[in-house]
PDB file of N, CA and C in Angstrom:
ATOM      1  N   GLN A   1       3.528  53.301 150.772  1.00  0.00           N
ATOM      2  CA  GLN A   1       3.538  52.939 149.365  1.00  0.00           C
ATOM      3  C   GLN A   1       3.950  51.474 149.222  1.00  0.00           C
ATOM      4  N   VAL A   2       3.257  50.760 148.395  1.00  0.00           N
ATOM      5  CA  VAL A   2       3.566  49.357 148.173  1.00  0.00           C
ATOM      6  C   VAL A   2       4.251  49.213 146.826  1.00  0.00           C
ATOM      7  N   GLN A   3       5.247  48.355 146.787  1.00  0.00           N
ATOM      8  CA  GLN A   3       5.927  48.030 145.535  1.00  0.00           C
ATOM      9  C   GLN A   3       5.530  46.622 145.105  1.00  0.00           C
ATOM     10  N   LEU A   4       5.400  46.439 143.810  1.00  0.00           N
ATOM     11  CA  LEU A   4       5.005  45.144 143.268  1.00  0.00           C
ATOM     12  C   LEU A   4       5.995  44.711 142.196  1.00  0.00           C
ATOM     13  N   VAL A   5       6.331  43.431 142.211  1.00  0.00           N
ATOM     14  CA  VAL A   5       7.250  42.875 141.230  1.00  0.00           C
ATOM     15  C   VAL A   5       6.643  41.598 140.661  1.00  0.00           C
ATOM     16  N   GLU A   6       6.492  41.577 139.333  1.00  0.00           N
ATOM     17  CA  GLU A   6       5.972  40.398 138.665  1.00  0.00           C
ATOM     18  C   GLU A   6       7.126  39.507 138.198  1.00  0.00           C
ATOM     19  N   SER A   7       6.833  38.229 138.080  1.00  0.00           N
ATOM     20  CA  SER A   7       7.797  37.285 137.528  1.00  0.00           C
ATOM     21  C   SER A   7       7.027  36.112 136.920  1.00  0.00           C
ATOM     22  N   GLY A   8       7.744  35.312 136.146  1.00  0.00           N
ATOM     23  CA  GLY A   8       7.151  34.107 135.596  1.00  0.00           C
ATOM     24  C   GLY A   8       6.772  34.175 134.138  1.00  0.00           C
ATOM     25  N   GLY A   9       6.944  35.335 133.525  1.00  0.00           N
ATOM     26  CA  GLY A   9       6.625  35.428 132.109  1.00  0.00           C
ATOM     27  C   GLY A   9       7.632  34.662 131.264  1.00  0.00           C
ATOM     28  N   GLY A  10       7.308  34.542 129.977  1.00  0.00           N
ATOM     29  CA  GLY A  10       8.213  33.845 129.074  1.00  0.00           C
ATOM     30  C   GLY A  10       7.552  33.528 127.760  1.00  0.00           C
ATOM     31  N   LEU A  11       8.215  32.656 127.005  1.00  0.00           N
ATOM     32  CA  LEU A  11       7.725  32.228 125.698  1.00  0.00           C
ATOM     33  C   LEU A  11       7.178  30.809 125.818  1.00  0.00           C
ATOM     34  N   VAL A  12       5.981  30.611 125.316  1.00  0.00           N
ATOM     35  CA  VAL A  12       5.358  29.298 125.397  1.00  0.00           C
ATOM     36  C   VAL A  12       4.557  29.058 124.122  1.00  0.00           C
ATOM     37  N   GLN A  13       4.408  27.807 123.757  1.00  0.00           N
ATOM     38  CA  GLN A  13       3.610  27.469 122.589  1.00  0.00           C
ATOM     39  C   GLN A  13       2.122  27.494 122.933  1.00  0.00           C
ATOM     40  N   ALA A  14       1.320  27.716 121.916  1.00  0.00           N
ATOM     41  CA  ALA A  14      -0.128  27.681 122.110  1.00  0.00           C
ATOM     42  C   ALA A  14      -0.535  26.357 122.744  1.00  0.00           C
ATOM     43  N   GLY A  15      -1.435  26.454 123.712  1.00  0.00           N
ATOM     44  CA  GLY A  15      -1.862  25.278 124.445  1.00  0.00           C
ATOM     45  C   GLY A  15      -1.065  25.027 125.708  1.00  0.00           C
ATOM     46  N   GLY A  16       0.026  25.740 125.858  1.00  0.00           N
ATOM     47  CA  GLY A  16       0.877  25.560 127.025  1.00  0.00           C
ATOM     48  C   GLY A  16       0.408  26.354 128.228  1.00  0.00           C
ATOM     49  N   SER A  17       1.212  26.316 129.281  1.00  0.00           N
ATOM     50  CA  SER A  17       0.855  26.957 130.543  1.00  0.00           C
ATOM     51  C   SER A  17       2.010  27.795 131.081  1.00  0.00           C
ATOM     52  N   LEU A  18       1.657  28.812 131.822  1.00  0.00           N
ATOM     53  CA  LEU A  18       2.616  29.614 132.575  1.00  0.00           C
ATOM     54  C   LEU A  18       1.983  30.004 133.899  1.00  0.00           C
ATOM     55  N   ARG A  19       2.818  30.243 134.892  1.00  0.00           N
ATOM     56  CA  ARG A  19       2.332  30.735 136.175  1.00  0.00           C
ATOM     57  C   ARG A  19       3.058  32.032 136.502  1.00  0.00           C
ATOM     58  N   LEU A  20       2.314  33.093 136.588  1.00  0.00           N
ATOM     59  CA  LEU A  20       2.865  34.388 136.958  1.00  0.00           C
ATOM     60  C   LEU A  20       2.768  34.588 138.458  1.00  0.00           C
ATOM     61  N   SER A  21       3.763  35.281 139.003  1.00  0.00           N
ATOM     62  CA  SER A  21       3.770  35.613 140.420  1.00  0.00           C
ATOM     63  C   SER A  21       3.883  37.119 140.589  1.00  0.00           C
ATOM     64  N   CYS A  22       3.326  37.601 141.673  1.00  0.00           N
ATOM     65  CA  CYS A  22       3.422  39.024 142.017  1.00  0.00           C
ATOM     66  C   CYS A  22       3.762  39.110 143.491  1.00  0.00           C
ATOM     67  N   ALA A  23       4.903  39.709 143.782  1.00  0.00           N
ATOM     68  CA  ALA A  23       5.336  39.875 145.161  1.00  0.00           C
ATOM     69  C   ALA A  23       5.253  41.345 145.545  1.00  0.00           C
ATOM     70  N   THR A  24       4.784  41.596 146.748  1.00  0.00           N
ATOM     71  CA  THR A  24       4.663  42.967 147.223  1.00  0.00           C
ATOM     72  C   THR A  24       5.683  43.233 148.319  1.00  0.00           C
ATOM     73  N   SER A  25       6.092  44.481 148.424  1.00  0.00           N
ATOM     74  CA  SER A  25       7.005  44.898 149.477  1.00  0.00           C
ATOM     75  C   SER A  25       6.709  46.351 149.825  1.00  0.00           C
ATOM     76  N   GLY A  26       7.397  46.838 150.833  1.00  0.00           N
ATOM     77  CA  GLY A  26       7.147  48.203 151.270  1.00  0.00           C
ATOM     78  C   GLY A  26       6.034  48.224 152.296  1.00  0.00           C
ATOM     79  N   ARG A  27       5.132  49.171 152.168  1.00  0.00           N
ATOM     80  CA  ARG A  27       4.015  49.297 153.093  1.00  0.00           C
ATOM     81  C   ARG A  27       2.955  48.265 152.700  1.00  0.00           C
ATOM     82  N   THR A  28       3.068  47.076 153.253  1.00  0.00           N
ATOM     83  CA  THR A  28       2.166  46.005 152.848  1.00  0.00           C
ATOM     84  C   THR A  28       1.373  45.497 154.042  1.00  0.00           C
ATOM     85  N   ASP A  29       0.187  45.158 153.769  1.00  0.00           N
ATOM     86  CA  ASP A  29      -0.599  44.379 154.714  1.00  0.00           C
ATOM     87  C   ASP A  29      -1.562  43.566 153.880  1.00  0.00           C
ATOM     88  N   SER A  30      -2.430  42.913 154.470  1.00  0.00           N
ATOM     89  CA  SER A  30      -3.292  42.006 153.717  1.00  0.00           C
ATOM     90  C   SER A  30      -4.592  42.644 153.285  1.00  0.00           C
ATOM     91  N   SER A  31      -4.739  43.959 153.380  1.00  0.00           N
ATOM     92  CA  SER A  31      -6.033  44.577 153.112  1.00  0.00           C
ATOM     93  C   SER A  31      -6.144  45.149 151.709  1.00  0.00           C
ATOM     94  N   TYR A  32      -5.492  44.522 150.737  1.00  0.00           N
ATOM     95  CA  TYR A  32      -5.558  44.987 149.363  1.00  0.00           C
ATOM     96  C   TYR A  32      -6.323  44.007 148.500  1.00  0.00           C
ATOM     97  N   VAL A  33      -7.129  44.539 147.626  1.00  0.00           N
ATOM     98  CA  VAL A  33      -7.587  43.788 146.468  1.00  0.00           C
ATOM     99  C   VAL A  33      -6.399  43.726 145.516  1.00  0.00           C
ATOM    100  N   MET A  34      -6.194  42.583 144.890  1.00  0.00           N
ATOM    101  CA  MET A  34      -5.089  42.466 143.938  1.00  0.00           C
ATOM    102  C   MET A  34      -5.627  42.029 142.587  1.00  0.00           C
ATOM    103  N   GLY A  35      -4.964  42.486 141.551  1.00  0.00           N
ATOM    104  CA  GLY A  35      -5.466  42.173 140.218  1.00  0.00           C
ATOM    105  C   GLY A  35      -4.363  42.034 139.198  1.00  0.00           C
ATOM    106  N   TRP A  36      -4.714  41.422 138.083  1.00  0.00           N
ATOM    107  CA  TRP A  36      -3.824  41.284 136.926  1.00  0.00           C
ATOM    108  C   TRP A  36      -4.449  42.023 135.745  1.00  0.00           C
ATOM    109  N   PHE A  37      -3.586  42.705 135.033  1.00  0.00           N
ATOM    110  CA  PHE A  37      -3.965  43.383 133.807  1.00  0.00           C
ATOM    111  C   PHE A  37      -2.951  43.009 132.728  1.00  0.00           C
ATOM    112  N   ARG A  38      -3.278  43.270 131.481  1.00  0.00           N
ATOM    113  CA  ARG A  38      -2.332  43.010 130.406  1.00  0.00           C
ATOM    114  C   ARG A  38      -2.467  44.058 129.322  1.00  0.00           C
ATOM    115  N   GLN A  39      -1.372  44.243 128.598  1.00  0.00           N
ATOM    116  CA  GLN A  39      -1.369  45.188 127.493  1.00  0.00           C
ATOM    117  C   GLN A  39      -0.612  44.589 126.319  1.00  0.00           C
ATOM    118  N   ALA A  40      -1.332  44.394 125.249  1.00  0.00           N
ATOM    119  CA  ALA A  40      -0.738  43.880 124.015  1.00  0.00           C
ATOM    120  C   ALA A  40      -0.247  45.049 123.171  1.00  0.00           C
ATOM    121  N   PRO A  41       0.695  44.797 122.272  1.00  0.00           N
ATOM    122  CA  PRO A  41       1.218  45.876 121.419  1.00  0.00           C
ATOM    123  C   PRO A  41       0.110  46.580 120.651  1.00  0.00           C
ATOM    124  N   GLY A  42       0.091  47.898 120.735  1.00  0.00           N
ATOM    125  CA  GLY A  42      -0.889  48.681 120.006  1.00  0.00           C
ATOM    126  C   GLY A  42      -2.275  48.692 120.606  1.00  0.00           C
ATOM    127  N   LYS A  43      -2.425  48.087 121.789  1.00  0.00           N
ATOM    128  CA  LYS A  43      -3.739  48.035 122.420  1.00  0.00           C
ATOM    129  C   LYS A  43      -3.696  48.675 123.803  1.00  0.00           C
ATOM    130  N   GLU A  44      -4.863  48.999 124.316  1.00  0.00           N
ATOM    131  CA  GLU A  44      -4.938  49.555 125.660  1.00  0.00           C
ATOM    132  C   GLU A  44      -4.805  48.444 126.702  1.00  0.00           C
ATOM    133  N   ARG A  45      -4.397  48.859 127.890  1.00  0.00           N
ATOM    134  CA  ARG A  45      -4.311  47.909 128.992  1.00  0.00           C
ATOM    135  C   ARG A  45      -5.706  47.399 129.313  1.00  0.00           C
ATOM    136  N   GLU A  46      -5.824  46.092 129.549  1.00  0.00           N
ATOM    137  CA  GLU A  46      -7.126  45.515 129.834  1.00  0.00           C
ATOM    138  C   GLU A  46      -7.083  44.670 131.099  1.00  0.00           C
ATOM    139  N   PHE A  47      -8.220  44.593 131.739  1.00  0.00           N
ATOM    140  CA  PHE A  47      -8.381  43.811 132.954  1.00  0.00           C
ATOM    141  C   PHE A  47      -8.340  42.325 132.626  1.00  0.00           C
ATOM    142  N   VAL A  48      -7.671  41.552 133.491  1.00  0.00           N
ATOM    143  CA  VAL A  48      -7.621  40.100 133.333  1.00  0.00           C
ATOM    144  C   VAL A  48      -8.383  39.409 134.463  1.00  0.00           C
ATOM    145  N   ALA A  49      -7.997  39.700 135.699  1.00  0.00           N
ATOM    146  CA  ALA A  49      -8.609  39.031 136.844  1.00  0.00           C
ATOM    147  C   ALA A  49      -8.310  39.823 138.103  1.00  0.00           C
ATOM    148  N   ALA A  50      -9.141  39.609 139.130  1.00  0.00           N
ATOM    149  CA  ALA A  50      -8.911  40.241 140.426  1.00  0.00           C
ATOM    150  C   ALA A  50      -9.348  39.291 141.523  1.00  0.00           C
ATOM    151  N   ILE A  51      -8.777  39.506 142.710  1.00  0.00           N
ATOM    152  CA  ILE A  51      -9.075  38.649 143.846  1.00  0.00           C
ATOM    153  C   ILE A  51      -9.279  39.525 145.078  1.00  0.00           C
ATOM    154  N   SER A  52     -10.244  39.151 145.897  1.00  0.00           N
ATOM    155  CA  SER A  52     -10.585  39.941 147.064  1.00  0.00           C
ATOM    156  C   SER A  52      -9.513  39.826 148.150  1.00  0.00           C
ATOM    157  N   VAL A  53      -9.653  40.616 149.176  1.00  0.00           N
ATOM    158  CA  VAL A  53      -8.687  40.634 150.280  1.00  0.00           C
ATOM    159  C   VAL A  53      -8.551  39.246 150.901  1.00  0.00           C
ATOM    160  N   SER A  54      -9.650  38.595 151.141  1.00  0.00           N
ATOM    161  CA  SER A  54      -9.619  37.279 151.785  1.00  0.00           C
ATOM    162  C   SER A  54      -9.172  36.183 150.831  1.00  0.00           C
ATOM    163  N   GLY A  55      -9.269  36.449 149.543  1.00  0.00           N
ATOM    164  CA  GLY A  55      -8.963  35.414 148.563  1.00  0.00           C
ATOM    165  C   GLY A  55     -10.152  34.532 148.234  1.00  0.00           C
ATOM    166  N   SER A  56     -11.277  34.800 148.864  1.00  0.00           N
ATOM    167  CA  SER A  56     -12.452  33.952 148.669  1.00  0.00           C
ATOM    168  C   SER A  56     -13.244  34.288 147.417  1.00  0.00           C
ATOM    169  N   ASN A  57     -13.062  35.482 146.916  1.00  0.00           N
ATOM    170  CA  ASN A  57     -13.824  35.939 145.754  1.00  0.00           C
ATOM    171  C   ASN A  57     -12.891  36.344 144.631  1.00  0.00           C
ATOM    172  N   THR A  58     -13.278  35.959 143.428  1.00  0.00           N
ATOM    173  CA  THR A  58     -12.483  36.278 142.242  1.00  0.00           C
ATOM    174  C   THR A  58     -13.396  36.746 141.116  1.00  0.00           C
ATOM    175  N   VAL A  59     -12.812  37.445 140.187  1.00  0.00           N
ATOM    176  CA  VAL A  59     -13.539  37.876 139.001  1.00  0.00           C
ATOM    177  C   VAL A  59     -12.579  37.818 137.823  1.00  0.00           C
ATOM    178  N   TYR A  60     -13.101  37.436 136.659  1.00  0.00           N
ATOM    179  CA  TYR A  60     -12.263  37.249 135.479  1.00  0.00           C
ATOM    180  C   TYR A  60     -12.862  37.956 134.268  1.00  0.00           C
ATOM    181  N   ALA A  61     -11.992  38.345 133.370  1.00  0.00           N
ATOM    182  CA  ALA A  61     -12.449  38.790 132.062  1.00  0.00           C
ATOM    183  C   ALA A  61     -12.995  37.582 131.307  1.00  0.00           C
ATOM    184  N   ASP A  62     -13.990  37.810 130.491  1.00  0.00           N
ATOM    185  CA  ASP A  62     -14.600  36.705 129.745  1.00  0.00           C
ATOM    186  C   ASP A  62     -13.578  35.965 128.890  1.00  0.00           C
ATOM    187  N   SER A  63     -12.602  36.680 128.388  1.00  0.00           N
ATOM    188  CA  SER A  63     -11.624  36.087 127.477  1.00  0.00           C
ATOM    189  C   SER A  63     -10.717  35.062 128.145  1.00  0.00           C
ATOM    190  N   VAL A  64     -10.654  35.061 129.470  1.00  0.00           N
ATOM    191  CA  VAL A  64      -9.745  34.137 130.160  1.00  0.00           C
ATOM    192  C   VAL A  64     -10.477  33.168 131.084  1.00  0.00           C
ATOM    193  N   LYS A  65     -11.789  33.320 131.220  1.00  0.00           N
ATOM    194  CA  LYS A  65     -12.559  32.435 132.098  1.00  0.00           C
ATOM    195  C   LYS A  65     -12.378  30.984 131.685  1.00  0.00           C
ATOM    196  N   GLY A  66     -12.154  30.141 132.695  1.00  0.00           N
ATOM    197  CA  GLY A  66     -11.979  28.723 132.428  1.00  0.00           C
ATOM    198  C   GLY A  66     -10.565  28.331 132.059  1.00  0.00           C
ATOM    199  N   ARG A  67      -9.707  29.315 131.785  1.00  0.00           N
ATOM    200  CA  ARG A  67      -8.316  29.038 131.414  1.00  0.00           C
ATOM    201  C   ARG A  67      -7.334  29.587 132.444  1.00  0.00           C
ATOM    202  N   PHE A  68      -7.648  30.719 133.034  1.00  0.00           N
ATOM    203  CA  PHE A  68      -6.759  31.363 134.007  1.00  0.00           C
ATOM    204  C   PHE A  68      -7.348  31.230 135.402  1.00  0.00           C
ATOM    205  N   THR A  69      -6.453  31.117 136.391  1.00  0.00           N
ATOM    206  CA  THR A  69      -6.873  31.062 137.788  1.00  0.00           C
ATOM    207  C   THR A  69      -6.018  32.015 138.606  1.00  0.00           C
ATOM    208  N   ILE A  70      -6.669  32.928 139.298  1.00  0.00           N
ATOM    209  CA  ILE A  70      -5.965  33.869 140.167  1.00  0.00           C
ATOM    210  C   ILE A  70      -6.025  33.344 141.597  1.00  0.00           C
ATOM    211  N   SER A  71      -4.963  33.540 142.352  1.00  0.00           N
ATOM    212  CA  SER A  71      -4.940  33.092 143.737  1.00  0.00           C
ATOM    213  C   SER A  71      -3.996  33.976 144.538  1.00  0.00           C
ATOM    214  N   ARG A  72      -4.143  33.900 145.839  1.00  0.00           N
ATOM    215  CA  ARG A  72      -3.253  34.630 146.729  1.00  0.00           C
ATOM    216  C   ARG A  72      -2.427  33.630 147.517  1.00  0.00           C
ATOM    217  N   GLY A  73      -1.219  34.029 147.866  1.00  0.00           N
ATOM    218  CA  GLY A  73      -0.380  33.191 148.674  1.00  0.00           C
ATOM    219  C   GLY A  73      -0.855  33.158 150.115  1.00  0.00           C
ATOM    220  N   TYR A  74      -0.270  32.256 150.896  1.00  0.00           N
ATOM    221  CA  TYR A  74      -0.670  32.101 152.300  1.00  0.00           C
ATOM    222  C   TYR A  74      -0.519  33.399 153.066  1.00  0.00           C
ATOM    223  N   ALA A  75       0.517  34.126 152.788  1.00  0.00           N
ATOM    224  CA  ALA A  75       0.785  35.381 153.487  1.00  0.00           C
ATOM    225  C   ALA A  75      -0.053  36.526 152.957  1.00  0.00           C
ATOM    226  N   LYS A  76      -0.841  36.296 151.938  1.00  0.00           N
ATOM    227  CA  LYS A  76      -1.771  37.246 151.351  1.00  0.00           C
ATOM    228  C   LYS A  76      -1.097  38.408 150.642  1.00  0.00           C
ATOM    229  N   ASN A  77       0.219  38.594 150.790  1.00  0.00           N
ATOM    230  CA  ASN A  77       0.870  39.689 150.079  1.00  0.00           C
ATOM    231  C   ASN A  77       1.563  39.209 148.805  1.00  0.00           C
ATOM    232  N   THR A  78       1.226  38.007 148.384  1.00  0.00           N
ATOM    233  CA  THR A  78       1.670  37.503 147.098  1.00  0.00           C
ATOM    234  C   THR A  78       0.442  37.056 146.318  1.00  0.00           C
ATOM    235  N   MET A  79       0.608  37.039 145.019  1.00  0.00           N
ATOM    236  CA  MET A  79      -0.512  36.696 144.156  1.00  0.00           C
ATOM    237  C   MET A  79       0.016  35.922 142.959  1.00  0.00           C
ATOM    238  N   TYR A  80      -0.829  35.054 142.432  1.00  0.00           N
ATOM    239  CA  TYR A  80      -0.425  34.227 141.312  1.00  0.00           C
ATOM    240  C   TYR A  80      -1.494  34.264 140.220  1.00  0.00           C
ATOM    241  N   LEU A  81      -1.060  33.976 139.020  1.00  0.00           N
ATOM    242  CA  LEU A  81      -1.981  33.799 137.904  1.00  0.00           C
ATOM    243  C   LEU A  81      -1.547  32.549 137.153  1.00  0.00           C
ATOM    244  N   GLN A  82      -2.310  31.487 137.324  1.00  0.00           N
ATOM    245  CA  GLN A  82      -2.062  30.253 136.585  1.00  0.00           C
ATOM    246  C   GLN A  82      -2.772  30.364 135.243  1.00  0.00           C
ATOM    247  N   MET A  83      -2.005  30.284 134.174  1.00  0.00           N
ATOM    248  CA  MET A  83      -2.552  30.442 132.828  1.00  0.00           C
ATOM    249  C   MET A  83      -2.401  29.135 132.066  1.00  0.00           C
ATOM    250  N   ASN A  84      -3.514  28.526 131.734  1.00  0.00           N
ATOM    251  CA  ASN A  84      -3.524  27.262 130.997  1.00  0.00           C
ATOM    252  C   ASN A  84      -4.137  27.460 129.616  1.00  0.00           C
ATOM    253  N   ASN A  85      -3.864  26.516 128.733  1.00  0.00           N
ATOM    254  CA  ASN A  85      -4.404  26.565 127.377  1.00  0.00           C
ATOM    255  C   ASN A  85      -4.182  27.950 126.759  1.00  0.00           C
ATOM    256  N   LEU A  86      -2.953  28.410 126.823  1.00  0.00           N
ATOM    257  CA  LEU A  86      -2.645  29.749 126.322  1.00  0.00           C
ATOM    258  C   LEU A  86      -2.833  29.839 124.819  1.00  0.00           C
ATOM    259  N   LYS A  87      -3.255  31.022 124.389  1.00  0.00           N
ATOM    260  CA  LYS A  87      -3.511  31.286 122.979  1.00  0.00           C
ATOM    261  C   LYS A  87      -2.620  32.446 122.520  1.00  0.00           C
ATOM    262  N   PRO A  88      -2.334  32.528 121.237  1.00  0.00           N
ATOM    263  CA  PRO A  88      -1.510  33.650 120.743  1.00  0.00           C
ATOM    264  C   PRO A  88      -2.075  35.011 121.148  1.00  0.00           C
ATOM    265  N   GLU A  89      -3.378  35.120 121.242  1.00  0.00           N
ATOM    266  CA  GLU A  89      -3.981  36.401 121.620  1.00  0.00           C
ATOM    267  C   GLU A  89      -3.775  36.747 123.097  1.00  0.00           C
ATOM    268  N   ASP A  90      -3.208  35.830 123.858  1.00  0.00           N
ATOM    269  CA  ASP A  90      -2.847  36.134 125.243  1.00  0.00           C
ATOM    270  C   ASP A  90      -1.491  36.844 125.335  1.00  0.00           C
ATOM    271  N   THR A  91      -0.792  36.939 124.219  1.00  0.00           N
ATOM    272  CA  THR A  91       0.497  37.616 124.206  1.00  0.00           C
ATOM    273  C   THR A  91       0.352  39.066 124.628  1.00  0.00           C
ATOM    274  N   ALA A  92       1.107  39.453 125.655  1.00  0.00           N
ATOM    275  CA  ALA A  92       1.009  40.803 126.206  1.00  0.00           C
ATOM    276  C   ALA A  92       2.022  40.954 127.334  1.00  0.00           C
ATOM    277  N   VAL A  93       2.179  42.174 127.786  1.00  0.00           N
ATOM    278  CA  VAL A  93       2.869  42.430 129.046  1.00  0.00           C
ATOM    279  C   VAL A  93       1.811  42.354 130.144  1.00  0.00           C
ATOM    280  N   TYR A  94       2.090  41.555 131.144  1.00  0.00           N
ATOM    281  CA  TYR A  94       1.148  41.348 132.241  1.00  0.00           C
ATOM    282  C   TYR A  94       1.605  42.147 133.461  1.00  0.00           C
ATOM    283  N   TYR A  95       0.665  42.866 134.050  1.00  0.00           N
ATOM    284  CA  TYR A  95       0.946  43.719 135.204  1.00  0.00           C
ATOM    285  C   TYR A  95       0.098  43.280 136.395  1.00  0.00           C
ATOM    286  N   CYS A  96       0.694  43.334 137.577  1.00  0.00           N
ATOM    287  CA  CYS A  96      -0.111  43.172 138.778  1.00  0.00           C
ATOM    288  C   CYS A  96      -0.320  44.540 139.416  1.00  0.00           C
ATOM    289  N   ALA A  97      -1.388  44.640 140.165  1.00  0.00           N
ATOM    290  CA  ALA A  97      -1.757  45.928 140.747  1.00  0.00           C
ATOM    291  C   ALA A  97      -2.580  45.698 142.014  1.00  0.00           C
ATOM    292  N   THR A  98      -2.628  46.722 142.859  1.00  0.00           N
ATOM    293  CA  THR A  98      -3.420  46.640 144.081  1.00  0.00           C
ATOM    294  C   THR A  98      -4.440  47.771 144.140  1.00  0.00           C
ATOM    295  N   ALA A  99      -5.541  47.472 144.817  1.00  0.00           N
ATOM    296  CA  ALA A  99      -6.606  48.443 145.051  1.00  0.00           C
ATOM    297  C   ALA A  99      -7.010  48.348 146.518  1.00  0.00           C
ATOM    298  N   PRO A 100      -7.564  49.407 147.070  1.00  0.00           N
ATOM    299  CA  PRO A 100      -8.016  49.344 148.462  1.00  0.00           C
ATOM    300  C   PRO A 100      -9.032  48.224 148.661  1.00  0.00           C
ATOM    301  N   GLY A 101      -8.974  47.587 149.817  1.00  0.00           N
ATOM    302  CA  GLY A 101      -9.876  46.477 150.089  1.00  0.00           C
ATOM    303  C   GLY A 101     -11.339  46.861 149.993  1.00  0.00           C
ATOM    304  N   SER A 102     -11.637  48.098 150.334  1.00  0.00           N
ATOM    305  CA  SER A 102     -13.025  48.569 150.312  1.00  0.00           C
ATOM    306  C   SER A 102     -13.581  48.702 148.906  1.00  0.00           C
ATOM    307  N   SER A 103     -12.731  48.642 147.888  1.00  0.00           N
ATOM    308  CA  SER A 103     -13.193  48.843 146.515  1.00  0.00           C
ATOM    309  C   SER A 103     -13.799  47.603 145.892  1.00  0.00           C
ATOM    310  N   TRP A 104     -13.746  46.467 146.577  1.00  0.00           N
ATOM    311  CA  TRP A 104     -14.173  45.212 145.949  1.00  0.00           C
ATOM    312  C   TRP A 104     -15.633  45.246 145.499  1.00  0.00           C
ATOM    313  N   VAL A 105     -16.499  45.869 146.291  1.00  0.00           N
ATOM    314  CA  VAL A 105     -17.934  45.833 146.012  1.00  0.00           C
ATOM    315  C   VAL A 105     -18.252  46.393 144.633  1.00  0.00           C
ATOM    316  N   ARG A 106     -17.609  47.489 144.264  1.00  0.00           N
ATOM    317  CA  ARG A 106     -17.836  48.103 142.942  1.00  0.00           C
ATOM    318  C   ARG A 106     -16.493  48.359 142.284  1.00  0.00           C
ATOM    319  N   LEU A 107     -15.751  47.280 142.057  1.00  0.00           N
ATOM    320  CA  LEU A 107     -14.382  47.369 141.578  1.00  0.00           C
ATOM    321  C   LEU A 107     -14.302  47.925 140.160  1.00  0.00           C
ATOM    322  N   SER A 108     -13.388  48.863 139.966  1.00  0.00           N
ATOM    323  CA  SER A 108     -13.128  49.381 138.632  1.00  0.00           C
ATOM    324  C   SER A 108     -11.628  49.555 138.460  1.00  0.00           C
ATOM    325  N   THR A 109     -11.197  49.666 137.214  1.00  0.00           N
ATOM    326  CA  THR A 109      -9.776  49.815 136.932  1.00  0.00           C
ATOM    327  C   THR A 109      -9.194  51.018 137.653  1.00  0.00           C
ATOM    328  N   ALA A 110      -9.966  52.063 137.782  1.00  0.00           N
ATOM    329  CA  ALA A 110      -9.492  53.291 138.422  1.00  0.00           C
ATOM    330  C   ALA A 110      -9.136  53.088 139.890  1.00  0.00           C
ATOM    331  N   ASP A 111      -9.640  52.011 140.500  1.00  0.00           N
ATOM    332  CA  ASP A 111      -9.348  51.752 141.909  1.00  0.00           C
ATOM    333  C   ASP A 111      -7.926  51.238 142.117  1.00  0.00           C
ATOM    334  N   PHE A 112      -7.309  50.711 141.061  1.00  0.00           N
ATOM    335  CA  PHE A 112      -5.963  50.142 141.169  1.00  0.00           C
ATOM    336  C   PHE A 112      -4.936  51.264 141.088  1.00  0.00           C
ATOM    337  N   ARG A 113      -4.176  51.441 142.168  1.00  0.00           N
ATOM    338  CA  ARG A 113      -3.311  52.617 142.279  1.00  0.00           C
ATOM    339  C   ARG A 113      -1.831  52.299 142.300  1.00  0.00           C
ATOM    340  N   SER A 114      -1.472  51.083 142.671  1.00  0.00           N
ATOM    341  CA  SER A 114      -0.069  50.682 142.681  1.00  0.00           C
ATOM    342  C   SER A 114       0.124  49.595 141.644  1.00  0.00           C
ATOM    343  N   TRP A 115       1.174  49.744 140.831  1.00  0.00           N
ATOM    344  CA  TRP A 115       1.399  48.851 139.701  1.00  0.00           C
ATOM    345  C   TRP A 115       2.823  48.335 139.678  1.00  0.00           C
ATOM    346  N   GLY A 116       2.983  47.120 139.192  1.00  0.00           N
ATOM    347  CA  GLY A 116       4.302  46.586 138.935  1.00  0.00           C
ATOM    348  C   GLY A 116       4.810  47.034 137.577  1.00  0.00           C
ATOM    349  N   GLN A 117       6.015  46.587 137.231  1.00  0.00           N
ATOM    350  CA  GLN A 117       6.643  46.980 135.976  1.00  0.00           C
ATOM    351  C   GLN A 117       6.239  46.084 134.809  1.00  0.00           C
ATOM    352  N   GLY A 118       5.667  44.943 135.118  1.00  0.00           N
ATOM    353  CA  GLY A 118       5.189  44.059 134.065  1.00  0.00           C
ATOM    354  C   GLY A 118       6.142  42.930 133.740  1.00  0.00           C
ATOM    355  N   THR A 119       5.574  41.855 133.219  1.00  0.00           N
ATOM    356  CA  THR A 119       6.352  40.717 132.748  1.00  0.00           C
ATOM    357  C   THR A 119       5.773  40.279 131.402  1.00  0.00           C
ATOM    358  N   GLN A 120       6.657  39.984 130.463  1.00  0.00           N
ATOM    359  CA  GLN A 120       6.227  39.671 129.101  1.00  0.00           C
ATOM    360  C   GLN A 120       5.798  38.216 128.987  1.00  0.00           C
ATOM    361  N   VAL A 121       4.649  38.011 128.393  1.00  0.00           N
ATOM    362  CA  VAL A 121       4.173  36.674 128.049  1.00  0.00           C
ATOM    363  C   VAL A 121       3.992  36.630 126.540  1.00  0.00           C
ATOM    364  N   THR A 122       4.648  35.672 125.910  1.00  0.00           N
ATOM    365  CA  THR A 122       4.548  35.515 124.462  1.00  0.00           C
ATOM    366  C   THR A 122       4.103  34.095 124.155  1.00  0.00           C
ATOM    367  N   VAL A 123       3.021  33.977 123.414  1.00  0.00           N
ATOM    368  CA  VAL A 123       2.469  32.678 123.050  1.00  0.00           C
ATOM    369  C   VAL A 123       2.604  32.508 121.542  1.00  0.00           C
ATOM    370  N   SER A 124       3.351  31.508 121.138  1.00  0.00           N
ATOM    371  CA  SER A 124       3.570  31.268 119.713  1.00  0.00           C
ATOM    372  C   SER A 124       2.529  30.278 119.185  1.00  0.00           C
ATOM    373  N   SER A 125       2.199  30.442 117.931  1.00  0.00           N
ATOM    374  CA  SER A 125       1.183  29.575 117.325  1.00  0.00           C
ATOM    375  C   SER A 125       1.801  28.348 116.690  1.00  0.00           C
TER     376      SER A 125
END
């Protein structure tokens, strides 16, 4: 079982930037797809971005394309989300999650089985 811990959330003004981190521990190796999701008050959890095992391939939700960048650390068991030009609608609890490496080809939310506790991001207007 892998454990995930997010950090880096906070309060920022619209147009500002934040960098979220996700650290894994427990039964870890580098063969996980990793992803970010978010959940705003009163809304369902939604996909933000995901990165392949190698880190060479990424996918983003349309709402964050061009503003957010997902990356993996050198050790591959850490992950980051650089968020630029933040908007009030980005306000949410952000979660990191892992999926089996084999799921990348036809990745779906259901493939993500291990989740962190979340970190709050609040963007003021």
